Protein backbone atom coordinates (compact mmCIF):
# COMPACT_ATOMS: atom_id res chain seq x y z
CA MET A 1 58.89 147.20 60.70
CA ILE A 2 59.81 149.04 63.91
CA SER A 3 63.31 147.59 64.08
CA ASP A 4 66.15 148.07 61.64
CA LEU A 5 67.42 144.84 60.09
CA PRO A 6 71.09 145.92 60.41
CA ASP A 7 70.61 146.54 64.16
CA LEU A 8 68.95 143.14 64.59
CA LYS A 9 71.75 141.41 62.70
CA THR A 10 74.35 143.17 64.82
CA HIS A 11 72.53 142.05 67.97
CA LEU A 12 72.39 138.47 66.67
CA ARG A 13 75.99 138.64 65.40
CA VAL A 14 74.89 137.68 61.87
CA ASP A 15 77.16 138.90 59.07
CA GLY A 16 75.67 137.53 55.86
CA ASP A 17 72.33 138.22 54.27
CA GLU A 18 71.17 134.61 53.84
CA GLU A 19 68.87 134.84 56.86
CA ASP A 20 67.53 138.36 56.36
CA ARG A 21 64.00 137.20 55.51
CA GLN A 22 63.88 134.91 58.54
CA ILE A 23 65.16 137.62 60.88
CA ALA A 24 62.66 140.12 59.46
CA ALA A 25 59.85 137.60 59.98
CA TYR A 26 60.95 137.09 63.59
CA ALA A 27 61.00 140.88 64.07
CA LEU A 28 57.46 141.27 62.75
CA ALA A 29 56.26 138.44 64.98
CA ALA A 30 58.02 139.96 68.01
CA GLU A 31 56.58 143.40 67.27
CA ARG A 32 53.08 141.93 67.00
CA GLN A 33 53.46 140.02 70.26
CA ILE A 34 54.69 143.15 72.03
CA ALA A 35 51.82 145.25 70.67
CA ASP A 36 49.36 142.58 71.79
CA TRP A 37 50.95 142.32 75.25
CA ILE A 38 50.98 146.06 75.88
CA GLY A 39 47.51 146.44 74.40
CA ARG A 40 48.29 149.19 71.93
CA PRO A 41 49.59 149.60 68.40
CA VAL A 42 53.21 150.65 68.05
CA TYR A 43 54.63 152.57 65.09
CA ARG A 44 58.15 153.33 63.94
CA ARG A 45 57.83 157.14 63.90
CA ASP A 46 55.34 159.99 64.32
CA ALA A 47 54.96 160.45 60.58
CA VAL A 48 53.16 157.10 60.22
CA LEU A 49 50.78 157.41 63.17
CA PRO A 50 47.17 157.10 61.97
CA VAL A 51 45.11 160.22 62.61
CA VAL A 52 41.64 160.46 64.11
CA GLY A 53 39.15 159.27 61.52
CA ASP A 54 41.56 156.76 59.98
CA ALA A 55 40.29 153.17 60.38
CA ARG A 56 43.66 152.20 61.93
CA TYR A 57 43.61 154.99 64.52
CA HIS A 58 43.76 153.85 68.14
CA PRO A 59 43.61 156.29 71.08
CA ASP A 60 46.52 154.54 72.81
CA GLN A 61 48.80 154.19 69.78
CA MET A 62 52.43 155.11 70.32
CA VAL A 63 55.79 155.52 68.65
CA ALA A 64 58.38 152.89 69.58
CA ASP A 65 60.91 154.03 72.14
CA ASP A 66 64.20 152.40 73.15
CA ALA A 67 62.49 150.00 75.56
CA ILE A 68 60.34 148.65 72.76
CA ARG A 69 63.23 148.45 70.30
CA VAL A 70 65.40 146.57 72.81
CA SER A 71 62.47 144.30 73.67
CA VAL A 72 62.08 143.44 69.98
CA MET A 73 65.81 142.62 69.79
CA MET A 74 65.56 140.38 72.84
CA MET A 75 62.55 138.54 71.48
CA VAL A 76 64.09 138.14 68.02
CA ASP A 77 67.20 136.73 69.70
CA ARG A 78 65.02 134.25 71.59
CA MET A 79 63.20 133.16 68.39
CA TYR A 80 66.42 132.98 66.38
CA HIS A 81 68.22 130.78 68.88
CA ASN A 82 65.20 128.61 69.76
CA ARG A 83 63.92 127.98 66.26
CA GLY A 84 62.05 124.87 67.27
CA GLY A 85 59.97 126.70 69.84
CA GLU A 86 59.87 126.13 73.54
CA GLY A 87 58.01 123.96 75.97
CA GLY A 88 54.39 124.64 75.36
CA SER A 89 53.63 126.19 78.70
CA ALA A 90 51.70 129.42 79.12
CA GLU A 91 54.95 131.08 80.23
CA ALA A 92 56.59 130.21 76.90
CA ALA A 93 53.70 131.88 75.06
CA THR A 94 54.31 135.28 76.66
CA PRO A 95 57.25 137.63 76.34
CA PRO A 96 60.12 136.72 78.68
CA MET A 97 60.07 138.24 82.17
CA SER A 98 62.88 140.68 81.32
CA VAL A 99 60.88 141.97 78.34
CA ARG A 100 57.68 142.19 80.35
CA ALA A 101 59.49 144.20 83.01
CA MET A 102 60.87 146.59 80.40
CA LEU A 103 57.43 147.06 78.82
CA ALA A 104 55.31 147.20 81.97
CA GLY A 105 55.04 150.99 81.86
CA HIS A 106 53.66 150.86 78.32
CA ARG A 107 50.79 148.49 79.08
CA VAL A 108 47.25 149.72 78.67
CA PHE A 109 44.48 147.97 80.52
CA THR A 110 40.92 148.23 79.35
CA THR A 111 37.88 147.60 81.43
CA SER A 112 34.59 146.34 80.15
CA GLU A 113 31.30 147.14 81.76
CA GLU A 114 29.26 144.20 82.91
CA GLU A 115 25.92 143.89 81.19
C-alpha cells in the first residue's frame, strides 16, 4: 500500500481500529484508480520498483510523491463518506476534479499506430 494507515485515519478523523480493514481496502482501490488514471504503476519507494527484465517492470513506473499521497487521502475520504457510491454518471467514475488537477502532471499518454 502506498499510503500509511495511520495517516489515512488521521485524515478521516478515525480513532479506533474497527474500520482499519475497510479503510485499507478503500486505499488500495484509490491507489489502483489513480494508477489507472495516470497510466502508470505507482510504488511506495524506490526499493520496490521492478527492474528491467522483471515481468512487472513498466518504463513509466514511478514512486509516489506528495501529490499522489494526498490524492489517495482525498479519494479514500470520498469513498469513506459516500459508502453507498454516487450517481452513476461517468463523472462519478473518475477521480474528482481536484484530484485530477493534482495528478495531471503525472499522466502518461500512449499512442497507438493505426494498422
